[in-house]
Protein backbone atom coordinates (compact mmCIF):
# COMPACT_ATOMS: atom_id res chain seq x y z
CA MET A 1 -38.04 85.35 102.06
CA PRO A 2 -38.34 84.04 98.45
CA SER A 3 -40.94 85.81 96.24
CA LEU A 4 -43.97 83.50 94.71
CA THR A 5 -44.79 83.83 91.11
CA VAL A 6 -47.87 84.59 89.80
CA LYS A 7 -48.14 80.69 88.39
CA GLU A 8 -47.23 78.89 92.18
CA VAL A 9 -49.70 80.57 93.32
CA GLU A 10 -52.10 79.74 91.12
CA THR A 11 -50.72 75.90 90.90
CA ARG A 12 -51.11 75.65 94.70
CA LEU A 13 -54.92 77.57 94.59
CA GLU A 14 -55.86 74.37 92.57
CA THR A 15 -55.51 73.03 96.36
CA VAL A 16 -59.01 74.55 97.61
CA GLN A 17 -62.41 74.45 96.37
CA CYS A 18 -64.30 78.08 95.64
CA ALA A 19 -66.22 79.04 98.02
CA ILE A 20 -69.09 79.65 95.11
CA CYS A 21 -69.27 76.98 92.64
CA LYS A 22 -67.18 74.03 94.33
CA GLU A 23 -64.21 74.01 91.07
CA SER A 24 -60.59 74.10 91.64
CA ARG A 25 -59.57 76.59 89.05
CA PHE A 26 -58.43 79.69 90.38
CA GLY A 27 -56.03 82.43 88.30
CA VAL A 28 -54.54 85.84 89.41
CA ASP A 29 -56.00 88.96 88.25
CA GLN A 30 -52.09 90.97 87.79
CA ARG A 31 -54.68 93.99 87.14
CA PHE A 32 -55.08 93.76 91.02
CA MET A 33 -51.38 93.21 92.48
CA GLN A 34 -50.32 95.72 95.09
CA ALA A 35 -46.34 96.27 95.71
CA ASP A 36 -47.67 95.25 99.96
CA GLY A 37 -48.08 92.00 98.71
CA GLU A 38 -51.89 91.76 98.01
CA TRP A 39 -53.16 90.09 94.98
CA ARG A 40 -56.77 89.25 94.10
CA GLY A 41 -57.81 85.66 92.89
CA VAL A 42 -60.55 84.87 90.77
CA CYS A 43 -62.50 81.14 89.82
CA LYS A 44 -61.83 80.59 86.36
CA LYS A 45 -65.45 79.64 85.86
CA CYS A 46 -67.77 81.20 88.24
CA TYR A 47 -65.22 84.59 88.38
CA TYR A 48 -65.68 85.13 92.26
CA SER A 49 -62.87 87.07 93.42
CA PHE A 50 -61.01 87.10 96.21
CA PRO A 51 -58.12 88.43 98.41
CA ILE A 52 -54.53 86.69 98.28
CA TYR A 53 -51.96 88.21 100.84
CA THR A 54 -48.17 87.41 99.75
CA ASP A 55 -46.35 89.45 102.89
CA MET A 56 -46.27 86.62 105.16
CA GLU A 57 -43.06 88.38 106.92
CA PHE A 58 -45.33 91.28 107.87
CA TYR A 59 -48.58 89.48 108.46
CA GLN A 60 -46.38 86.85 111.26
CA ARG A 61 -44.39 90.25 112.72
CA THR A 62 -48.30 91.91 113.28
CA GLN A 63 -50.10 88.48 114.58
CA PRO A 64 -47.91 87.32 117.49
CA ASP A 65 -49.68 83.81 117.76
CA ILE A 66 -48.46 83.15 114.06
CA PRO A 67 -45.31 81.53 114.58
CA TYR A 68 -45.84 79.40 118.06
CA ARG A 69 -48.85 78.19 115.67
CA LEU A 70 -47.02 77.32 113.11
CA LYS A 71 -44.13 75.53 114.78
CA GLU A 72 -46.71 73.05 116.15
CA MET A 73 -48.84 72.55 113.17
CA SER A 74 -48.64 68.28 111.97
CA CYS A 75 -47.74 67.81 107.98
CA PRO A 76 -50.26 65.54 106.45
CA THR A 77 -47.67 63.61 105.15
CA CYS A 78 -44.91 62.56 106.95
CA ASN A 79 -46.35 63.90 110.35
CA GLN A 80 -43.63 65.89 111.44
CA ARG A 81 -43.79 69.20 113.10
CA GLY A 82 -42.92 72.90 111.77
CA VAL A 83 -44.35 74.22 108.55
CA SER A 84 -44.02 77.89 107.33
CA LEU A 85 -46.36 80.05 105.70
CA ASN A 86 -46.07 80.70 101.84
CA PHE A 87 -49.43 82.54 101.31
CA ARG A 88 -52.88 83.04 102.74
CA ILE A 89 -56.08 83.27 101.54
CA THR A 90 -59.76 85.10 101.99
CA MET A 91 -61.95 82.58 100.28
CA SER A 92 -65.08 83.61 101.49
CA VAL A 93 -66.19 86.08 105.19
CA ARG A 94 -65.91 82.70 107.32
CA GLU A 95 -63.04 80.75 105.15
CA SER A 96 -59.33 81.60 105.76
CA ILE A 97 -56.93 79.44 103.73
CA TYR A 98 -53.18 79.04 104.82
CA PHE A 99 -50.52 77.66 101.85
CA LEU A 100 -48.21 75.70 104.43
CA THR A 101 -44.49 73.71 103.19
CA CYS A 102 -43.31 71.29 105.60
CA THR A 103 -40.01 72.17 107.12
CA SER A 104 -39.10 68.65 107.37
CA CYS A 105 -39.79 66.95 103.68
CA HIS A 106 -40.80 69.40 101.86
CA LYS A 107 -44.15 68.99 101.00
CA THR A 108 -46.80 72.11 100.11
CA PHE A 109 -50.53 71.96 101.88
CA PRO A 110 -52.80 74.09 102.19
CA GLU A 111 -54.57 74.20 105.88
CA ARG A 112 -57.86 76.00 107.29
CA SER A 113 -56.99 79.11 109.68
CA SER A 114 -58.43 78.01 113.07
CA LEU A 115 -57.14 81.25 114.46
CA GLU A 116 -58.76 83.94 112.50
CA ALA A 117 -62.34 84.27 113.67
CA PHE A 118 -64.94 86.05 111.43
CA GLU A 119 -68.47 87.38 112.63
């Protein structure tokens, strides 16, 4: 699986809103980048921080429903089914967002996770 660069992740984060201030300007705090693929995202306006998970191979091995769900998800651009999971974030205790790429048209888009329930 190709590894993501910090710039790629920061660019893709601009497609979602901060859980606190609703802005879409984020950075990756490189001081907290872990070897296991856990990073830290920070809103550039209000400094809210949240985890970014980039090791999707491990995640898909430990969450058996995820690969099946990814095969059934539709692209908002071409409406074809099947996406790949690039990385995910937990924006708040009630909001996990997947960053996906369509396997047909290769467009990238975020999707709120319906698989992770937080209580």
